[in-house]
PDB file of all heavy atoms in Angstrom:
ATOM      1  N   ARG A   1       0.828  -1.207   0.000  1.00  0.00           N
ATOM      2  CA  ARG A   1       0.000   0.000   0.000  1.00  0.00           C
ATOM      3  C   ARG A   1       0.864   1.259   0.000  1.00  0.00           C
ATOM      4  O   ARG A   1       0.561   2.239  -0.691  1.00  0.00           O
ATOM      5  CB  ARG A   1      -0.917   0.008   1.218  1.00  0.00           C
ATOM      6  CG  ARG A   1      -2.083  -0.958   1.130  1.00  0.00           C
ATOM      7  CD  ARG A   1      -3.025  -0.754   2.306  1.00  0.00           C
ATOM      8  NE  ARG A   1      -4.179  -1.632   2.238  1.00  0.00           N
ATOM      9  CZ  ARG A   1      -5.181  -1.589   3.118  1.00  0.00           C
ATOM     10  NH1 ARG A   1      -5.161  -0.716   4.117  1.00  0.00           N
ATOM     11  NH2 ARG A   1      -6.210  -2.417   2.997  1.00  0.00           N
ATOM     12  N   GLY A   2       1.923   1.223   0.790  1.00  0.00           N
ATOM     13  CA  GLY A   2       2.811   2.383   0.863  1.00  0.00           C
ATOM     14  C   GLY A   2       3.492   2.671  -0.463  1.00  0.00           C
ATOM     15  O   GLY A   2       3.539   3.824  -0.916  1.00  0.00           O
ATOM     16  N   ILE A   3       4.003   1.619  -1.099  1.00  0.00           N
ATOM     17  CA  ILE A   3       4.675   1.807  -2.388  1.00  0.00           C
ATOM     18  C   ILE A   3       3.676   2.232  -3.451  1.00  0.00           C
ATOM     19  O   ILE A   3       3.955   3.098  -4.280  1.00  0.00           O
ATOM     20  CB  ILE A   3       5.392   0.509  -2.813  1.00  0.00           C
ATOM     21  CG1 ILE A   3       6.519   0.179  -1.823  1.00  0.00           C
ATOM     22  CG2 ILE A   3       5.952   0.641  -4.218  1.00  0.00           C
ATOM     23  CD1 ILE A   3       7.205  -1.139  -2.096  1.00  0.00           C
ATOM     24  N   SER A   4       2.485   1.604  -3.423  1.00  0.00           N
ATOM     25  CA  SER A   4       1.452   1.954  -4.397  1.00  0.00           C
ATOM     26  C   SER A   4       1.059   3.427  -4.276  1.00  0.00           C
ATOM     27  O   SER A   4       0.922   4.141  -5.285  1.00  0.00           O
ATOM     28  CB  SER A   4       0.220   1.065  -4.200  1.00  0.00           C
ATOM     29  OG  SER A   4      -0.786   1.381  -5.129  1.00  0.00           O
ATOM     30  N   ALA A   5       0.890   3.897  -3.045  1.00  0.00           N
ATOM     31  CA  ALA A   5       0.534   5.302  -2.824  1.00  0.00           C
ATOM     32  C   ALA A   5       1.663   6.224  -3.280  1.00  0.00           C
ATOM     33  O   ALA A   5       1.422   7.278  -3.887  1.00  0.00           O
ATOM     34  CB  ALA A   5       0.216   5.532  -1.356  1.00  0.00           C
ATOM     35  N   LEU A   6       2.900   5.822  -2.975  1.00  0.00           N
ATOM     36  CA  LEU A   6       4.061   6.627  -3.355  1.00  0.00           C
ATOM     37  C   LEU A   6       4.164   6.762  -4.869  1.00  0.00           C
ATOM     38  O   LEU A   6       4.297   7.876  -5.400  1.00  0.00           O
ATOM     39  CB  LEU A   6       5.334   5.976  -2.802  1.00  0.00           C
ATOM     40  CG  LEU A   6       6.665   6.585  -3.245  1.00  0.00           C
ATOM     41  CD1 LEU A   6       6.864   7.944  -2.596  1.00  0.00           C
ATOM     42  CD2 LEU A   6       7.818   5.647  -2.884  1.00  0.00           C
ATOM     43  N   LEU A   7       4.095   5.628  -5.566  1.00  0.00           N
ATOM     44  CA  LEU A   7       4.240   5.661  -7.014  1.00  0.00           C
ATOM     45  C   LEU A   7       3.013   6.265  -7.683  1.00  0.00           C
ATOM     46  O   LEU A   7       3.123   7.006  -8.661  1.00  0.00           O
ATOM     47  CB  LEU A   7       4.493   4.243  -7.550  1.00  0.00           C
ATOM     48  CG  LEU A   7       5.774   3.556  -7.076  1.00  0.00           C
ATOM     49  CD1 LEU A   7       5.870   2.155  -7.666  1.00  0.00           C
ATOM     50  CD2 LEU A   7       7.011   4.367  -7.437  1.00  0.00           C
ATOM     51  N   GLY A   8       1.822   5.935  -7.158  1.00  0.00           N
ATOM     52  CA  GLY A   8       0.592   6.435  -7.749  1.00  0.00           C
ATOM     53  C   GLY A   8       0.439   7.937  -7.657  1.00  0.00           C
ATOM     54  O   GLY A   8      -0.329   8.544  -8.411  1.00  0.00           O
ATOM     55  N   ALA A   9       1.170   8.545  -6.734  1.00  0.00           N
ATOM     56  CA  ALA A   9       1.100  10.007  -6.587  1.00  0.00           C
ATOM     57  C   ALA A   9       1.873  10.726  -7.690  1.00  0.00           C
ATOM     58  O   ALA A   9       1.731  11.940  -7.862  1.00  0.00           O
ATOM     59  CB  ALA A   9       1.658  10.416  -5.220  1.00  0.00           C
ATOM     60  N   GLU A  10       2.699   9.974  -8.429  1.00  0.00           N
ATOM     61  CA  GLU A  10       3.474  10.561  -9.522  1.00  0.00           C
ATOM     62  C   GLU A  10       2.628  10.567 -10.796  1.00  0.00           C
ATOM     63  O   GLU A  10       2.015   9.559 -11.137  1.00  0.00           O
ATOM     64  CB  GLU A  10       4.771   9.757  -9.757  1.00  0.00           C
ATOM     65  CG  GLU A  10       5.673   9.676  -8.540  1.00  0.00           C
ATOM     66  CD  GLU A  10       6.189  11.039  -8.107  1.00  0.00           C
ATOM     67  OE1 GLU A  10       6.493  11.865  -9.005  1.00  0.00           O
ATOM     68  OE2 GLU A  10       6.277  11.285  -6.895  1.00  0.00           O
ATOM     69  N   VAL A  11       2.607  11.694 -11.489  1.00  0.00           N
ATOM     70  CA  VAL A  11       1.738  11.821 -12.653  1.00  0.00           C
ATOM     71  C   VAL A  11       2.182  10.964 -13.837  1.00  0.00           C
ATOM     72  O   VAL A  11       1.385  10.699 -14.746  1.00  0.00           O
ATOM     73  CB  VAL A  11       1.640  13.295 -13.102  1.00  0.00           C
ATOM     74  CG1 VAL A  11       0.930  14.120 -12.057  1.00  0.00           C
ATOM     75  CG2 VAL A  11       3.027  13.869 -13.411  1.00  0.00           C
ATOM     76  N   ASP A  12       3.433  10.513 -13.825  1.00  0.00           N
ATOM     77  CA  ASP A  12       3.927   9.718 -14.947  1.00  0.00           C
ATOM     78  C   ASP A  12       3.991   8.226 -14.632  1.00  0.00           C
ATOM     79  O   ASP A  12       4.545   7.450 -15.406  1.00  0.00           O
ATOM     80  CB  ASP A  12       5.313  10.203 -15.373  1.00  0.00           C
ATOM     81  CG  ASP A  12       6.344  10.052 -14.274  1.00  0.00           C
ATOM     82  OD1 ASP A  12       5.984  10.253 -13.091  1.00  0.00           O
ATOM     83  OD2 ASP A  12       7.502   9.721 -14.569  1.00  0.00           O
ATOM     84  N   ILE A  13       3.437   7.810 -13.485  1.00  0.00           N
ATOM     85  CA  ILE A  13       3.487   6.406 -13.087  1.00  0.00           C
ATOM     86  C   ILE A  13       2.088   5.923 -12.743  1.00  0.00           C
ATOM     87  O   ILE A  13       1.327   6.608 -12.052  1.00  0.00           O
ATOM     88  CB  ILE A  13       4.423   6.202 -11.879  1.00  0.00           C
ATOM     89  CG1 ILE A  13       5.861   6.583 -12.241  1.00  0.00           C
ATOM     90  CG2 ILE A  13       4.376   4.749 -11.399  1.00  0.00           C
ATOM     91  CD1 ILE A  13       6.835   6.511 -11.076  1.00  0.00           C
ATOM     92  N   GLU A  14       1.751   4.722 -13.210  1.00  0.00           N
ATOM     93  CA  GLU A  14       0.463   4.104 -12.909  1.00  0.00           C
ATOM     94  C   GLU A  14       0.702   2.689 -12.391  1.00  0.00           C
ATOM     95  O   GLU A  14       1.395   1.900 -13.039  1.00  0.00           O
ATOM     96  CB  GLU A  14      -0.412   4.039 -14.165  1.00  0.00           C
ATOM     97  CG  GLU A  14      -1.741   3.331 -13.946  1.00  0.00           C
ATOM     98  CD  GLU A  14      -2.516   3.112 -15.233  1.00  0.00           C
ATOM     99  OE1 GLU A  14      -1.969   3.421 -16.318  1.00  0.00           O
ATOM    100  OE2 GLU A  14      -3.646   2.612 -15.156  1.00  0.00           O
ATOM    101  N   VAL A  15       0.160   2.371 -11.219  1.00  0.00           N
ATOM    102  CA  VAL A  15       0.249   1.012 -10.676  1.00  0.00           C
ATOM    103  C   VAL A  15      -0.889   0.205 -11.283  1.00  0.00           C
ATOM    104  O   VAL A  15      -2.066   0.475 -11.027  1.00  0.00           O
ATOM    105  CB  VAL A  15       0.161   1.019  -9.138  1.00  0.00           C
ATOM    106  CG1 VAL A  15       0.182  -0.413  -8.602  1.00  0.00           C
ATOM    107  CG2 VAL A  15       1.312   1.827  -8.539  1.00  0.00           C
ATOM    108  N   VAL A  16      -0.543  -0.792 -12.093  1.00  0.00           N
ATOM    109  CA  VAL A  16      -1.561  -1.542 -12.845  1.00  0.00           C
ATOM    110  C   VAL A  16      -1.925  -2.877 -12.201  1.00  0.00           C
ATOM    111  O   VAL A  16      -2.848  -3.551 -12.656  1.00  0.00           O
ATOM    112  CB  VAL A  16      -1.096  -1.781 -14.294  1.00  0.00           C
ATOM    113  CG1 VAL A  16      -0.932  -0.457 -15.022  1.00  0.00           C
ATOM    114  CG2 VAL A  16       0.203  -2.582 -14.331  1.00  0.00           C
ATOM    115  N   GLY A  17      -1.219  -3.271 -11.141  1.00  0.00           N
ATOM    116  CA  GLY A  17      -1.539  -4.537 -10.494  1.00  0.00           C
ATOM    117  C   GLY A  17      -0.663  -4.799  -9.301  1.00  0.00           C
ATOM    118  O   GLY A  17       0.400  -4.191  -9.148  1.00  0.00           O
ATOM    119  N   GLU A  18      -1.136  -5.697  -8.441  1.00  0.00           N
ATOM    120  CA  GLU A  18      -0.399  -6.064  -7.235  1.00  0.00           C
ATOM    121  C   GLU A  18      -0.572  -7.555  -6.969  1.00  0.00           C
ATOM    122  O   GLU A  18      -1.528  -8.180  -7.433  1.00  0.00           O
ATOM    123  CB  GLU A  18      -0.913  -5.280  -6.019  1.00  0.00           C
ATOM    124  CG  GLU A  18      -0.796  -3.782  -6.112  1.00  0.00           C
ATOM    125  CD  GLU A  18      -1.336  -3.083  -4.876  1.00  0.00           C
ATOM    126  OE1 GLU A  18      -1.531  -3.765  -3.841  1.00  0.00           O
ATOM    127  OE2 GLU A  18      -1.582  -1.864  -4.928  1.00  0.00           O
ATOM    128  N   ALA A  19       0.352  -8.114  -6.199  1.00  0.00           N
ATOM    129  CA  ALA A  19       0.258  -9.505  -5.770  1.00  0.00           C
ATOM    130  C   ALA A  19       1.040  -9.668  -4.479  1.00  0.00           C
ATOM    131  O   ALA A  19       1.944  -8.887  -4.182  1.00  0.00           O
ATOM    132  CB  ALA A  19       0.799 -10.447  -6.846  1.00  0.00           C
ATOM    133  N   SER A  20       0.672 -10.698  -3.716  1.00  0.00           N
ATOM    134  CA  SER A  20       1.362 -10.974  -2.453  1.00  0.00           C
ATOM    135  C   SER A  20       2.162 -12.269  -2.498  1.00  0.00           C
ATOM    136  O   SER A  20       2.910 -12.557  -1.573  1.00  0.00           O
ATOM    137  CB  SER A  20       0.354 -11.035  -1.305  1.00  0.00           C
ATOM    138  OG  SER A  20      -0.596 -12.069  -1.527  1.00  0.00           O
ATOM    139  N   THR A  21       1.988 -13.062  -3.573  1.00  0.00           N
ATOM    140  CA  THR A  21       2.720 -14.327  -3.693  1.00  0.00           C
ATOM    141  C   THR A  21       3.286 -14.453  -5.101  1.00  0.00           C
ATOM    142  O   THR A  21       2.814 -13.807  -6.041  1.00  0.00           O
ATOM    143  CB  THR A  21       1.807 -15.536  -3.425  1.00  0.00           C
ATOM    144  OG1 THR A  21       0.820 -15.625  -4.480  1.00  0.00           O
ATOM    145  CG2 THR A  21       1.108 -15.420  -2.078  1.00  0.00           C
ATOM    146  N   ALA A  22       4.286 -15.330  -5.230  1.00  0.00           N
ATOM    147  CA  ALA A  22       4.887 -15.568  -6.543  1.00  0.00           C
ATOM    148  C   ALA A  22       3.863 -16.165  -7.498  1.00  0.00           C
ATOM    149  O   ALA A  22       3.803 -15.796  -8.678  1.00  0.00           O
ATOM    150  CB  ALA A  22       6.085 -16.497  -6.391  1.00  0.00           C
ATOM    151  N   ALA A  23       3.032 -17.086  -7.000  1.00  0.00           N
ATOM    152  CA  ALA A  23       2.032 -17.738  -7.847  1.00  0.00           C
ATOM    153  C   ALA A  23       1.042 -16.732  -8.416  1.00  0.00           C
ATOM    154  O   ALA A  23       0.680 -16.791  -9.595  1.00  0.00           O
ATOM    155  CB  ALA A  23       1.300 -18.808  -7.047  1.00  0.00           C
ATOM    156  N   GLN A  24       0.600 -15.797  -7.581  1.00  0.00           N
ATOM    157  CA  GLN A  24      -0.315 -14.761  -8.049  1.00  0.00           C
ATOM    158  C   GLN A  24       0.377 -13.856  -9.076  1.00  0.00           C
ATOM    159  O   GLN A  24      -0.215 -13.485 -10.099  1.00  0.00           O
ATOM    160  CB  GLN A  24      -0.776 -13.887  -6.885  1.00  0.00           C
ATOM    161  CG  GLN A  24      -1.718 -14.536  -5.900  1.00  0.00           C
ATOM    162  CD  GLN A  24      -2.025 -13.602  -4.732  1.00  0.00           C
ATOM    163  OE1 GLN A  24      -1.380 -12.570  -4.551  1.00  0.00           O
ATOM    164  NE2 GLN A  24      -3.008 -13.971  -3.933  1.00  0.00           N
ATOM    165  N   ALA A  25       1.598 -13.507  -8.786  1.00  0.00           N
ATOM    166  CA  ALA A  25       2.299 -12.494  -9.578  1.00  0.00           C
ATOM    167  C   ALA A  25       2.502 -12.908 -11.027  1.00  0.00           C
ATOM    168  O   ALA A  25       2.270 -12.100 -11.935  1.00  0.00           O
ATOM    169  CB  ALA A  25       3.643 -12.177  -8.939  1.00  0.00           C
ATOM    170  N   ILE A  26       2.898 -14.138 -11.257  1.00  0.00           N
ATOM    171  CA  ILE A  26       3.246 -14.543 -12.620  1.00  0.00           C
ATOM    172  C   ILE A  26       2.056 -14.377 -13.564  1.00  0.00           C
ATOM    173  O   ILE A  26       2.168 -13.783 -14.640  1.00  0.00           O
ATOM    174  CB  ILE A  26       3.775 -15.987 -12.623  1.00  0.00           C
ATOM    175  CG1 ILE A  26       5.153 -16.030 -11.929  1.00  0.00           C
ATOM    176  CG2 ILE A  26       3.898 -16.508 -14.055  1.00  0.00           C
ATOM    177  CD1 ILE A  26       5.714 -17.410 -11.754  1.00  0.00           C
ATOM    178  N   GLY A  27       0.884 -14.876 -13.159  1.00  0.00           N
ATOM    179  CA  GLY A  27      -0.296 -14.745 -14.005  1.00  0.00           C
ATOM    180  C   GLY A  27      -0.746 -13.307 -14.169  1.00  0.00           C
ATOM    181  O   GLY A  27      -1.109 -12.875 -15.272  1.00  0.00           O
ATOM    182  N   ARG A  28      -0.706 -12.553 -13.086  1.00  0.00           N
ATOM    183  CA  ARG A  28      -1.171 -11.162 -13.149  1.00  0.00           C
ATOM    184  C   ARG A  28      -0.230 -10.281 -13.955  1.00  0.00           C
ATOM    185  O   ARG A  28      -0.662  -9.362 -14.647  1.00  0.00           O
ATOM    186  CB  ARG A  28      -1.341 -10.618 -11.730  1.00  0.00           C
ATOM    187  CG  ARG A  28      -2.469 -11.290 -10.969  1.00  0.00           C
ATOM    188  CD  ARG A  28      -2.606 -10.774  -9.540  1.00  0.00           C
ATOM    189  NE  ARG A  28      -3.629 -11.522  -8.815  1.00  0.00           N
ATOM    190  CZ  ARG A  28      -3.937 -11.314  -7.532  1.00  0.00           C
ATOM    191  NH1 ARG A  28      -3.297 -10.367  -6.835  1.00  0.00           N
ATOM    192  NH2 ARG A  28      -4.868 -12.033  -6.944  1.00  0.00           N
ATOM    193  N   ILE A  29       1.060 -10.532 -13.852  1.00  0.00           N
ATOM    194  CA  ILE A  29       2.021  -9.737 -14.630  1.00  0.00           C
ATOM    195  C   ILE A  29       1.849 -10.036 -16.119  1.00  0.00           C
ATOM    196  O   ILE A  29       1.880  -9.129 -16.958  1.00  0.00           O
ATOM    197  CB  ILE A  29       3.468 -10.018 -14.177  1.00  0.00           C
ATOM    198  CG1 ILE A  29       3.695  -9.446 -12.776  1.00  0.00           C
ATOM    199  CG2 ILE A  29       4.475  -9.411 -15.159  1.00  0.00           C
ATOM    200  CD1 ILE A  29       5.035  -9.798 -12.167  1.00  0.00           C
ATOM    201  N   ARG A  30       1.637 -11.290 -16.460  1.00  0.00           N
ATOM    202  CA  ARG A  30       1.420 -11.632 -17.868  1.00  0.00           C
ATOM    203  C   ARG A  30       0.144 -10.981 -18.393  1.00  0.00           C
ATOM    204  O   ARG A  30       0.062 -10.598 -19.567  1.00  0.00           O
ATOM    205  CB  ARG A  30       1.344 -13.150 -18.026  1.00  0.00           C
ATOM    206  CG  ARG A  30       2.682 -13.845 -17.848  1.00  0.00           C
ATOM    207  CD  ARG A  30       2.541 -15.348 -17.897  1.00  0.00           C
ATOM    208  NE  ARG A  30       3.825 -16.026 -17.751  1.00  0.00           N
ATOM    209  CZ  ARG A  30       3.966 -17.327 -17.583  1.00  0.00           C
ATOM    210  NH1 ARG A  30       2.887 -18.108 -17.541  1.00  0.00           N
ATOM    211  NH2 ARG A  30       5.152 -17.861 -17.461  1.00  0.00           N
TER     212      ARG A  30
END
C-alpha cells in the first residue's frame, strides 16, 4: 500500500496490479 501510494502520486506512473505471492504475480504480470 505504501509503495502503491508513493508511485501512484506521480503523474507519470500508474500502478496496474499487485500480488502478495509468486504464484499470483506470474499470471497477473502476464
